[in-house]
Amino acid sequence: MSRKTDYTEWEYPTVNVLHDQALVEEFIEGIGKNIFIMTPSFPYVFIGKLVEVIEDQAVVDVKVTSISELENRQWYIHIHQIEVFYIQQKGQPRIPELRDDY
């Protein structure tokens, strides 16, 4: 998507297109790392490893979510539906392991 101005023949991407591209790139750079995701819809929270990005879908090997029956499987999460995310980086705070099997 691009917009044409009346003043020039140049085409340029809109701010929303740039934002969406940058967001997808952030996820692509995070492939192989641990990730924490919050969404506005059920099951709301995902913690696992980001294994792939397909177009604008993050593929997450989910280890922890709000319903234990939905854990230990891959979820395809639409990147633009994510409200909050944290991709664990070396030297930064770690995502805690949330387990109730102690």
PDB file of N, CA and C in Angstrom:
ATOM      1  N   MET A   1       0.829  -1.172   0.000  1.00  0.00           N
ATOM      2  CA  MET A   1       0.000   0.000   0.000  1.00  0.00           C
ATOM      3  C   MET A   1       0.874   1.236   0.000  1.00  0.00           C
ATOM      4  N   SER A   2       0.566   2.129  -0.850  1.00  0.00           N
ATOM      5  CA  SER A   2       1.277   3.389  -0.857  1.00  0.00           C
ATOM      6  C   SER A   2       0.311   4.488  -1.250  1.00  0.00           C
ATOM      7  N   ARG A   3       0.728   5.693  -0.996  1.00  0.00           N
ATOM      8  CA  ARG A   3      -0.123   6.835  -1.263  1.00  0.00           C
ATOM      9  C   ARG A   3       0.589   7.754  -2.243  1.00  0.00           C
ATOM     10  N   LYS A   4      -0.140   8.287  -3.185  1.00  0.00           N
ATOM     11  CA  LYS A   4       0.409   9.211  -4.156  1.00  0.00           C
ATOM     12  C   LYS A   4      -0.029  10.623  -3.777  1.00  0.00           C
ATOM     13  N   THR A   5       0.895  11.568  -3.829  1.00  0.00           N
ATOM     14  CA  THR A   5       0.535  12.944  -3.515  1.00  0.00           C
ATOM     15  C   THR A   5       0.173  13.684  -4.794  1.00  0.00           C
ATOM     16  N   ASP A   6      -0.460  14.809  -4.659  1.00  0.00           N
ATOM     17  CA  ASP A   6      -0.776  15.652  -5.809  1.00  0.00           C
ATOM     18  C   ASP A   6       0.433  16.439  -6.270  1.00  0.00           C
ATOM     19  N   TYR A   7       1.470  16.519  -5.422  1.00  0.00           N
ATOM     20  CA  TYR A   7       2.617  17.376  -5.687  1.00  0.00           C
ATOM     21  C   TYR A   7       3.753  16.687  -6.427  1.00  0.00           C
ATOM     22  N   THR A   8       3.738  15.385  -6.432  1.00  0.00           N
ATOM     23  CA  THR A   8       4.871  14.663  -7.010  1.00  0.00           C
ATOM     24  C   THR A   8       4.408  13.307  -7.506  1.00  0.00           C
ATOM     25  N   GLU A   9       5.203  12.697  -8.300  1.00  0.00           N
ATOM     26  CA  GLU A   9       4.907  11.362  -8.804  1.00  0.00           C
ATOM     27  C   GLU A   9       5.467  10.273  -7.894  1.00  0.00           C
ATOM     28  N   TRP A  10       6.157  10.659  -6.822  1.00  0.00           N
ATOM     29  CA  TRP A  10       6.721   9.681  -5.901  1.00  0.00           C
ATOM     30  C   TRP A  10       5.615   8.998  -5.126  1.00  0.00           C
ATOM     31  N   GLU A  11       5.845   7.727  -4.863  1.00  0.00           N
ATOM     32  CA  GLU A  11       4.945   6.977  -3.993  1.00  0.00           C
ATOM     33  C   GLU A  11       5.712   6.628  -2.728  1.00  0.00           C
ATOM     34  N   TYR A  12       5.033   6.669  -1.618  1.00  0.00           N
ATOM     35  CA  TYR A  12       5.692   6.366  -0.355  1.00  0.00           C
ATOM     36  C   TYR A  12       4.733   5.578   0.526  1.00  0.00           C
ATOM     37  N   PRO A  13       5.287   4.725   1.383  1.00  0.00           N
ATOM     38  CA  PRO A  13       4.409   3.942   2.269  1.00  0.00           C
ATOM     39  C   PRO A  13       3.815   4.824   3.363  1.00  0.00           C
ATOM     40  N   THR A  14       2.650   4.472   3.799  1.00  0.00           N
ATOM     41  CA  THR A  14       2.011   5.202   4.892  1.00  0.00           C
ATOM     42  C   THR A  14       2.680   4.835   6.216  1.00  0.00           C
ATOM     43  N   VAL A  15       2.409   5.607   7.230  1.00  0.00           N
ATOM     44  CA  VAL A  15       2.955   5.347   8.561  1.00  0.00           C
ATOM     45  C   VAL A  15       2.498   3.972   9.051  1.00  0.00           C
ATOM     46  N   ASN A  16       1.249   3.604   8.794  1.00  0.00           N
ATOM     47  CA  ASN A  16       0.743   2.299   9.233  1.00  0.00           C
ATOM     48  C   ASN A  16       1.472   1.157   8.550  1.00  0.00           C
ATOM     49  N   VAL A  17       1.770   1.307   7.271  1.00  0.00           N
ATOM     50  CA  VAL A  17       2.503   0.267   6.553  1.00  0.00           C
ATOM     51  C   VAL A  17       3.910   0.126   7.132  1.00  0.00           C
ATOM     52  N   LEU A  18       4.574   1.232   7.395  1.00  0.00           N
ATOM     53  CA  LEU A  18       5.914   1.189   7.992  1.00  0.00           C
ATOM     54  C   LEU A  18       5.879   0.542   9.374  1.00  0.00           C
ATOM     55  N   HIS A  19       4.887   0.881  10.172  1.00  0.00           N
ATOM     56  CA  HIS A  19       4.733   0.302  11.509  1.00  0.00           C
ATOM     57  C   HIS A  19       4.542  -1.206  11.416  1.00  0.00           C
ATOM     58  N   ASP A  20       3.644  -1.635  10.547  1.00  0.00           N
ATOM     59  CA  ASP A  20       3.372  -3.072  10.386  1.00  0.00           C
ATOM     60  C   ASP A  20       4.610  -3.825   9.923  1.00  0.00           C
ATOM     61  N   GLN A  21       5.357  -3.259   8.986  1.00  0.00           N
ATOM     62  CA  GLN A  21       6.577  -3.905   8.495  1.00  0.00           C
ATOM     63  C   GLN A  21       7.625  -4.009   9.609  1.00  0.00           C
ATOM     64  N   ALA A  22       7.778  -2.941  10.383  1.00  0.00           N
ATOM     65  CA  ALA A  22       8.757  -2.943  11.471  1.00  0.00           C
ATOM     66  C   ALA A  22       8.384  -3.962  12.545  1.00  0.00           C
ATOM     67  N   LEU A  23       7.105  -4.082  12.837  1.00  0.00           N
ATOM     68  CA  LEU A  23       6.648  -5.043  13.830  1.00  0.00           C
ATOM     69  C   LEU A  23       6.935  -6.474  13.382  1.00  0.00           C
ATOM     70  N   VAL A  24       6.647  -6.793  12.130  1.00  0.00           N
ATOM     71  CA  VAL A  24       6.928  -8.128  11.603  1.00  0.00           C
ATOM     72  C   VAL A  24       8.437  -8.384  11.624  1.00  0.00           C
ATOM     73  N   GLU A  25       9.238  -7.391  11.273  1.00  0.00           N
ATOM     74  CA  GLU A  25      10.704  -7.539  11.295  1.00  0.00           C
ATOM     75  C   GLU A  25      11.210  -7.827  12.708  1.00  0.00           C
ATOM     76  N   GLU A  26      10.616  -7.189  13.701  1.00  0.00           N
ATOM     77  CA  GLU A  26      11.003  -7.436  15.099  1.00  0.00           C
ATOM     78  C   GLU A  26      10.787  -8.906  15.457  1.00  0.00           C
ATOM     79  N   PHE A  27       9.682  -9.465  15.010  1.00  0.00           N
ATOM     80  CA  PHE A  27       9.399 -10.873  15.278  1.00  0.00           C
ATOM     81  C   PHE A  27      10.353 -11.772  14.486  1.00  0.00           C
ATOM     82  N   ILE A  28      10.644 -11.430  13.255  1.00  0.00           N
ATOM     83  CA  ILE A  28      11.584 -12.233  12.460  1.00  0.00           C
ATOM     84  C   ILE A  28      12.950 -12.285  13.146  1.00  0.00           C
ATOM     85  N   GLU A  29      13.409 -11.155  13.672  1.00  0.00           N
ATOM     86  CA  GLU A  29      14.696 -11.112  14.376  1.00  0.00           C
ATOM     87  C   GLU A  29      14.667 -11.926  15.671  1.00  0.00           C
ATOM     88  N   GLY A  30      13.476 -12.170  16.211  1.00  0.00           N
ATOM     89  CA  GLY A  30      13.348 -12.916  17.457  1.00  0.00           C
ATOM     90  C   GLY A  30      13.193 -14.415  17.291  1.00  0.00           C
ATOM     91  N   ILE A  31      13.220 -14.907  16.060  1.00  0.00           N
ATOM     92  CA  ILE A  31      13.058 -16.350  15.834  1.00  0.00           C
ATOM     93  C   ILE A  31      14.134 -17.115  16.614  1.00  0.00           C
ATOM     94  N   GLY A  32      13.685 -18.144  17.329  1.00  0.00           N
ATOM     95  CA  GLY A  32      14.584 -18.971  18.129  1.00  0.00           C
ATOM     96  C   GLY A  32      14.702 -18.520  19.578  1.00  0.00           C
ATOM     97  N   LYS A  33      14.093 -17.391  19.902  1.00  0.00           N
ATOM     98  CA  LYS A  33      14.184 -16.860  21.264  1.00  0.00           C
ATOM     99  C   LYS A  33      12.886 -17.097  22.023  1.00  0.00           C
ATOM    100  N   ASN A  34      12.985 -17.029  23.345  1.00  0.00           N
ATOM    101  CA  ASN A  34      11.793 -17.130  24.193  1.00  0.00           C
ATOM    102  C   ASN A  34      10.965 -15.869  24.042  1.00  0.00           C
ATOM    103  N   ILE A  35       9.637 -16.043  24.142  1.00  0.00           N
ATOM    104  CA  ILE A  35       8.739 -14.923  23.938  1.00  0.00           C
ATOM    105  C   ILE A  35       7.565 -14.994  24.910  1.00  0.00           C
ATOM    106  N   PHE A  36       7.122 -13.822  25.324  1.00  0.00           N
ATOM    107  CA  PHE A  36       5.925 -13.657  26.153  1.00  0.00           C
ATOM    108  C   PHE A  36       4.958 -12.814  25.335  1.00  0.00           C
ATOM    109  N   ILE A  37       3.717 -13.288  25.183  1.00  0.00           N
ATOM    110  CA  ILE A  37       2.716 -12.583  24.372  1.00  0.00           C
ATOM    111  C   ILE A  37       1.419 -12.467  25.158  1.00  0.00           C
ATOM    112  N   MET A  38       0.802 -11.282  25.083  1.00  0.00           N
ATOM    113  CA  MET A  38      -0.548 -11.076  25.611  1.00  0.00           C
ATOM    114  C   MET A  38      -1.441 -10.613  24.462  1.00  0.00           C
ATOM    115  N   THR A  39      -2.634 -11.209  24.389  1.00  0.00           N
ATOM    116  CA  THR A  39      -3.603 -10.851  23.356  1.00  0.00           C
ATOM    117  C   THR A  39      -4.918 -10.436  24.019  1.00  0.00           C
ATOM    118  N   PRO A  40      -5.760  -9.726  23.301  1.00  0.00           N
ATOM    119  CA  PRO A  40      -7.046  -9.327  23.882  1.00  0.00           C
ATOM    120  C   PRO A  40      -8.081 -10.448  23.876  1.00  0.00           C
ATOM    121  N   SER A  41      -7.768 -11.556  23.235  1.00  0.00           N
ATOM    122  CA  SER A  41      -8.735 -12.655  23.161  1.00  0.00           C
ATOM    123  C   SER A  41      -8.157 -13.933  23.770  1.00  0.00           C
ATOM    124  N   PHE A  42      -9.041 -14.843  24.121  1.00  0.00           N
ATOM    125  CA  PHE A  42      -8.684 -16.114  24.752  1.00  0.00           C
ATOM    126  C   PHE A  42      -7.679 -16.865  23.896  1.00  0.00           C
ATOM    127  N   PRO A  43      -6.647 -17.484  24.465  1.00  0.00           N
ATOM    128  CA  PRO A  43      -6.348 -17.681  25.880  1.00  0.00           C
ATOM    129  C   PRO A  43      -5.488 -16.591  26.499  1.00  0.00           C
ATOM    130  N   TYR A  44      -5.351 -15.452  25.889  1.00  0.00           N
ATOM    131  CA  TYR A  44      -4.778 -14.226  26.445  1.00  0.00           C
ATOM    132  C   TYR A  44      -3.272 -14.200  26.629  1.00  0.00           C
ATOM    133  N   VAL A  45      -2.656 -15.248  27.147  1.00  0.00           N
ATOM    134  CA  VAL A  45      -1.220 -15.247  27.452  1.00  0.00           C
ATOM    135  C   VAL A  45      -0.551 -16.473  26.846  1.00  0.00           C
ATOM    136  N   PHE A  46       0.600 -16.238  26.224  1.00  0.00           N
ATOM    137  CA  PHE A  46       1.396 -17.320  25.647  1.00  0.00           C
ATOM    138  C   PHE A  46       2.844 -17.110  26.060  1.00  0.00           C
ATOM    139  N   ILE A  47       3.492 -18.163  26.540  1.00  0.00           N
ATOM    140  CA  ILE A  47       4.923 -18.125  26.834  1.00  0.00           C
ATOM    141  C   ILE A  47       5.530 -19.342  26.158  1.00  0.00           C
ATOM    142  N   GLY A  48       6.565 -19.103  25.376  1.00  0.00           N
ATOM    143  CA  GLY A  48       7.201 -20.208  24.675  1.00  0.00           C
ATOM    144  C   GLY A  48       8.357 -19.728  23.828  1.00  0.00           C
ATOM    145  N   LYS A  49       8.635 -20.474  22.767  1.00  0.00           N
ATOM    146  CA  LYS A  49       9.734 -20.135  21.871  1.00  0.00           C
ATOM    147  C   LYS A  49       9.159 -19.737  20.522  1.00  0.00           C
ATOM    148  N   LEU A  50       9.628 -18.610  19.993  1.00  0.00           N
ATOM    149  CA  LEU A  50       9.227 -18.146  18.670  1.00  0.00           C
ATOM    150  C   LEU A  50       9.983 -18.987  17.640  1.00  0.00           C
ATOM    151  N   VAL A  51       9.267 -19.814  16.884  1.00  0.00           N
ATOM    152  CA  VAL A  51       9.940 -20.748  15.980  1.00  0.00           C
ATOM    153  C   VAL A  51       9.907 -20.316  14.521  1.00  0.00           C
ATOM    154  N   GLU A  52       8.965 -19.453  14.158  1.00  0.00           N
ATOM    155  CA  GLU A  52       8.871 -19.064  12.757  1.00  0.00           C
ATOM    156  C   GLU A  52       7.935 -17.861  12.635  1.00  0.00           C
ATOM    157  N   VAL A  53       8.113 -17.113  11.545  1.00  0.00           N
ATOM    158  CA  VAL A  53       7.177 -16.055  11.180  1.00  0.00           C
ATOM    159  C   VAL A  53       6.751 -16.329   9.746  1.00  0.00           C
ATOM    160  N   ILE A  54       5.444 -16.483   9.545  1.00  0.00           N
ATOM    161  CA  ILE A  54       4.882 -16.716   8.212  1.00  0.00           C
ATOM    162  C   ILE A  54       4.005 -15.521   7.892  1.00  0.00           C
ATOM    163  N   GLU A  55       4.466 -14.694   6.967  1.00  0.00           N
ATOM    164  CA  GLU A  55       3.810 -13.434   6.619  1.00  0.00           C
ATOM    165  C   GLU A  55       3.620 -12.606   7.880  1.00  0.00           C
ATOM    166  N   ASP A  56       2.404 -12.491   8.417  1.00  0.00           N
ATOM    167  CA  ASP A  56       2.206 -11.724   9.650  1.00  0.00           C
ATOM    168  C   ASP A  56       1.682 -12.611  10.779  1.00  0.00           C
ATOM    169  N   GLN A  57       2.083 -13.883  10.746  1.00  0.00           N
ATOM    170  CA  GLN A  57       1.725 -14.847  11.788  1.00  0.00           C
ATOM    171  C   GLN A  57       2.998 -15.280  12.521  1.00  0.00           C
ATOM    172  N   ALA A  58       2.977 -15.176  13.846  1.00  0.00           N
ATOM    173  CA  ALA A  58       4.079 -15.691  14.658  1.00  0.00           C
ATOM    174  C   ALA A  58       3.740 -17.126  15.035  1.00  0.00           C
ATOM    175  N   VAL A  59       4.661 -18.034  14.785  1.00  0.00           N
ATOM    176  CA  VAL A  59       4.474 -19.431  15.170  1.00  0.00           C
ATOM    177  C   VAL A  59       5.248 -19.628  16.469  1.00  0.00           C
ATOM    178  N   VAL A  60       4.510 -19.954  17.533  1.00  0.00           N
ATOM    179  CA  VAL A  60       5.110 -20.058  18.865  1.00  0.00           C
ATOM    180  C   VAL A  60       4.907 -21.472  19.384  1.00  0.00           C
ATOM    181  N   ASP A  61       6.010 -22.090  19.820  1.00  0.00           N
ATOM    182  CA  ASP A  61       5.947 -23.372  20.508  1.00  0.00           C
ATOM    183  C   ASP A  61       5.608 -23.044  21.957  1.00  0.00           C
ATOM    184  N   VAL A  62       4.317 -23.112  22.289  1.00  0.00           N
ATOM    185  CA  VAL A  62       3.805 -22.632  23.580  1.00  0.00           C
ATOM    186  C   VAL A  62       4.060 -23.661  24.671  1.00  0.00           C
ATOM    187  N   LYS A  63       4.734 -23.213  25.721  1.00  0.00           N
ATOM    188  CA  LYS A  63       4.989 -24.047  26.897  1.00  0.00           C
ATOM    189  C   LYS A  63       4.029 -23.718  28.025  1.00  0.00           C
ATOM    190  N   VAL A  64       3.604 -22.448  28.132  1.00  0.00           N
ATOM    191  CA  VAL A  64       2.705 -22.019  29.201  1.00  0.00           C
ATOM    192  C   VAL A  64       1.651 -21.095  28.608  1.00  0.00           C
ATOM    193  N   THR A  65       0.404 -21.330  28.992  1.00  0.00           N
ATOM    194  CA  THR A  65      -0.704 -20.437  28.671  1.00  0.00           C
ATOM    195  C   THR A  65      -1.703 -20.516  29.819  1.00  0.00           C
ATOM    196  N   SER A  66      -2.783 -19.789  29.725  1.00  0.00           N
ATOM    197  CA  SER A  66      -3.728 -19.737  30.833  1.00  0.00           C
ATOM    198  C   SER A  66      -4.516 -21.031  31.031  1.00  0.00           C
ATOM    199  N   ILE A  67      -4.517 -21.919  30.046  1.00  0.00           N
ATOM    200  CA  ILE A  67      -5.209 -23.209  30.136  1.00  0.00           C
ATOM    201  C   ILE A  67      -4.194 -24.309  29.825  1.00  0.00           C
ATOM    202  N   SER A  68      -3.911 -25.156  30.786  1.00  0.00           N
ATOM    203  CA  SER A  68      -2.848 -26.156  30.618  1.00  0.00           C
ATOM    204  C   SER A  68      -3.103 -27.112  29.461  1.00  0.00           C
ATOM    205  N   GLU A  69      -4.359 -27.376  29.127  1.00  0.00           N
ATOM    206  CA  GLU A  69      -4.671 -28.275  28.008  1.00  0.00           C
ATOM    207  C   GLU A  69      -4.256 -27.693  26.656  1.00  0.00           C
ATOM    208  N   LEU A  70      -3.985 -26.407  26.609  1.00  0.00           N
ATOM    209  CA  LEU A  70      -3.593 -25.744  25.362  1.00  0.00           C
ATOM    210  C   LEU A  70      -2.082 -25.572  25.243  1.00  0.00           C
ATOM    211  N   GLU A  71      -1.347 -26.118  26.204  1.00  0.00           N
ATOM    212  CA  GLU A  71       0.109 -25.991  26.215  1.00  0.00           C
ATOM    213  C   GLU A  71       0.762 -27.114  25.412  1.00  0.00           C
ATOM    214  N   ASN A  72       2.072 -26.949  25.192  1.00  0.00           N
ATOM    215  CA  ASN A  72       2.900 -27.943  24.510  1.00  0.00           C
ATOM    216  C   ASN A  72       2.412 -28.239  23.101  1.00  0.00           C
ATOM    217  N   ARG A  73       2.133 -27.171  22.378  1.00  0.00           N
ATOM    218  CA  ARG A  73       1.767 -27.257  20.960  1.00  0.00           C
ATOM    219  C   ARG A  73       2.096 -25.926  20.307  1.00  0.00           C
ATOM    220  N   GLN A  74       2.132 -25.929  18.999  1.00  0.00           N
ATOM    221  CA  GLN A  74       2.415 -24.696  18.281  1.00  0.00           C
ATOM    222  C   GLN A  74       1.136 -23.907  18.042  1.00  0.00           C
ATOM    223  N   TRP A  75       1.245 -22.612  18.304  1.00  0.00           N
ATOM    224  CA  TRP A  75       0.148 -21.688  18.060  1.00  0.00           C
ATOM    225  C   TRP A  75       0.567 -20.717  16.962  1.00  0.00           C
ATOM    226  N   TYR A  76      -0.353 -20.399  16.091  1.00  0.00           N
ATOM    227  CA  TYR A  76      -0.160 -19.393  15.053  1.00  0.00           C
ATOM    228  C   TYR A  76      -0.907 -18.144  15.534  1.00  0.00           C
ATOM    229  N   ILE A  77      -0.159 -17.093  15.811  1.00  0.00           N
ATOM    230  CA  ILE A  77      -0.732 -15.897  16.409  1.00  0.00           C
ATOM    231  C   ILE A  77      -0.544 -14.723  15.446  1.00  0.00           C
ATOM    232  N   HIS A  78      -1.638 -14.079  15.095  1.00  0.00           N
ATOM    233  CA  HIS A  78      -1.577 -12.930  14.191  1.00  0.00           C
ATOM    234  C   HIS A  78      -0.848 -11.786  14.899  1.00  0.00           C
ATOM    235  N   ILE A  79       0.259 -11.368  14.345  1.00  0.00           N
ATOM    236  CA  ILE A  79       1.121 -10.375  14.994  1.00  0.00           C
ATOM    237  C   ILE A  79       0.363  -9.085  15.297  1.00  0.00           C
ATOM    238  N   HIS A  80      -0.518  -8.675  14.405  1.00  0.00           N
ATOM    239  CA  HIS A  80      -1.208  -7.399  14.596  1.00  0.00           C
ATOM    240  C   HIS A  80      -2.321  -7.471  15.643  1.00  0.00           C
ATOM    241  N   GLN A  81      -2.602  -8.668  16.153  1.00  0.00           N
ATOM    242  CA  GLN A  81      -3.586  -8.818  17.224  1.00  0.00           C
ATOM    243  C   GLN A  81      -2.918  -8.888  18.600  1.00  0.00           C
ATOM    244  N   ILE A  82      -1.609  -8.818  18.633  1.00  0.00           N
ATOM    245  CA  ILE A  82      -0.870  -8.895  19.891  1.00  0.00           C
ATOM    246  C   ILE A  82      -0.879  -7.524  20.567  1.00  0.00           C
ATOM    247  N   GLU A  83      -1.273  -7.509  21.831  1.00  0.00           N
ATOM    248  CA  GLU A  83      -1.316  -6.258  22.605  1.00  0.00           C
ATOM    249  C   GLU A  83       0.045  -5.950  23.226  1.00  0.00           C
ATOM    250  N   VAL A  84       0.676  -6.979  23.807  1.00  0.00           N
ATOM    251  CA  VAL A  84       1.950  -6.813  24.508  1.00  0.00           C
ATOM    252  C   VAL A  84       2.825  -8.006  24.180  1.00  0.00           C
ATOM    253  N   PHE A  85       4.118  -7.763  23.954  1.00  0.00           N
ATOM    254  CA  PHE A  85       5.044  -8.881  23.762  1.00  0.00           C
ATOM    255  C   PHE A  85       6.413  -8.508  24.310  1.00  0.00           C
ATOM    256  N   TYR A  86       7.156  -9.538  24.659  1.00  0.00           N
ATOM    257  CA  TYR A  86       8.532  -9.369  25.115  1.00  0.00           C
ATOM    258  C   TYR A  86       9.329 -10.522  24.542  1.00  0.00           C
ATOM    259  N   ILE A  87      10.337 -10.208  23.750  1.00  0.00           N
ATOM    260  CA  ILE A  87      11.229 -11.212  23.199  1.00  0.00           C
ATOM    261  C   ILE A  87      12.501 -11.170  24.027  1.00  0.00           C
ATOM    262  N   GLN A  88      12.808 -12.276  24.652  1.00  0.00           N
ATOM    263  CA  GLN A  88      13.966 -12.345  25.554  1.00  0.00           C
ATOM    264  C   GLN A  88      15.249 -12.138  24.764  1.00  0.00           C
ATOM    265  N   GLN A  89      16.089 -11.239  25.246  1.00  0.00           N
ATOM    266  CA  GLN A  89      17.373 -10.933  24.612  1.00  0.00           C
ATOM    267  C   GLN A  89      18.506 -11.230  25.582  1.00  0.00           C
ATOM    268  N   LYS A  90      19.644 -11.585  25.042  1.00  0.00           N
ATOM    269  CA  LYS A  90      20.811 -11.853  25.877  1.00  0.00           C
ATOM    270  C   LYS A  90      21.161 -10.599  26.680  1.00  0.00           C
ATOM    271  N   GLY A  91      21.380 -10.794  27.988  1.00  0.00           N
ATOM    272  CA  GLY A  91      21.728  -9.685  28.868  1.00  0.00           C
ATOM    273  C   GLY A  91      20.524  -8.919  29.397  1.00  0.00           C
ATOM    274  N   GLN A  92      19.332  -9.296  28.990  1.00  0.00           N
ATOM    275  CA  GLN A  92      18.108  -8.643  29.449  1.00  0.00           C
ATOM    276  C   GLN A  92      17.367  -9.582  30.407  1.00  0.00           C
ATOM    277  N   PRO A  93      16.366  -9.076  31.130  1.00  0.00           N
ATOM    278  CA  PRO A  93      15.633  -9.944  32.060  1.00  0.00           C
ATOM    279  C   PRO A  93      15.048 -11.172  31.370  1.00  0.00           C
ATOM    280  N   ARG A  94      15.108 -12.295  32.064  1.00  0.00           N
ATOM    281  CA  ARG A  94      14.599 -13.554  31.524  1.00  0.00           C
ATOM    282  C   ARG A  94      13.101 -13.674  31.781  1.00  0.00           C
ATOM    283  N   ILE A  95      12.429 -14.366  30.883  1.00  0.00           N
ATOM    284  CA  ILE A  95      11.017 -14.678  31.081  1.00  0.00           C
ATOM    285  C   ILE A  95      10.974 -15.809  32.100  1.00  0.00           C
ATOM    286  N   PRO A  96      10.239 -15.635  33.198  1.00  0.00           N
ATOM    287  CA  PRO A  96      10.229 -16.682  34.232  1.00  0.00           C
ATOM    288  C   PRO A  96       9.529 -17.946  33.748  1.00  0.00           C
ATOM    289  N   GLU A  97       9.955 -19.067  34.295  1.00  0.00           N
ATOM    290  CA  GLU A  97       9.287 -20.330  34.010  1.00  0.00           C
ATOM    291  C   GLU A  97       8.123 -20.454  34.981  1.00  0.00           C
ATOM    292  N   LEU A  98       6.924 -20.410  34.451  1.00  0.00           N
ATOM    293  CA  LEU A  98       5.729 -20.484  35.282  1.00  0.00           C
ATOM    294  C   LEU A  98       5.198 -21.912  35.232  1.00  0.00           C
ATOM    295  N   ARG A  99       5.394 -22.625  36.324  1.00  0.00           N
ATOM    296  CA  ARG A  99       4.952 -24.015  36.379  1.00  0.00           C
ATOM    297  C   ARG A  99       4.312 -24.273  37.723  1.00  0.00           C
ATOM    298  N   ASP A 100       3.308 -25.123  37.738  1.00  0.00           N
ATOM    299  CA  ASP A 100       2.644 -25.441  39.001  1.00  0.00           C
ATOM    300  C   ASP A 100       2.824 -26.908  39.369  1.00  0.00           C
ATOM    301  N   ASP A 101       3.834 -27.572  38.807  1.00  0.00           N
ATOM    302  CA  ASP A 101       4.052 -28.996  39.075  1.00  0.00           C
ATOM    303  C   ASP A 101       5.168 -29.229  40.089  1.00  0.00           C
ATOM    304  N   TYR A 102       5.322 -28.347  41.044  1.00  0.00           N
ATOM    305  CA  TYR A 102       6.378 -28.496  42.046  1.00  0.00           C
ATOM    306  C   TYR A 102       5.991 -29.463  43.119  1.00  0.00           C
TER     307      TYR A 102
END
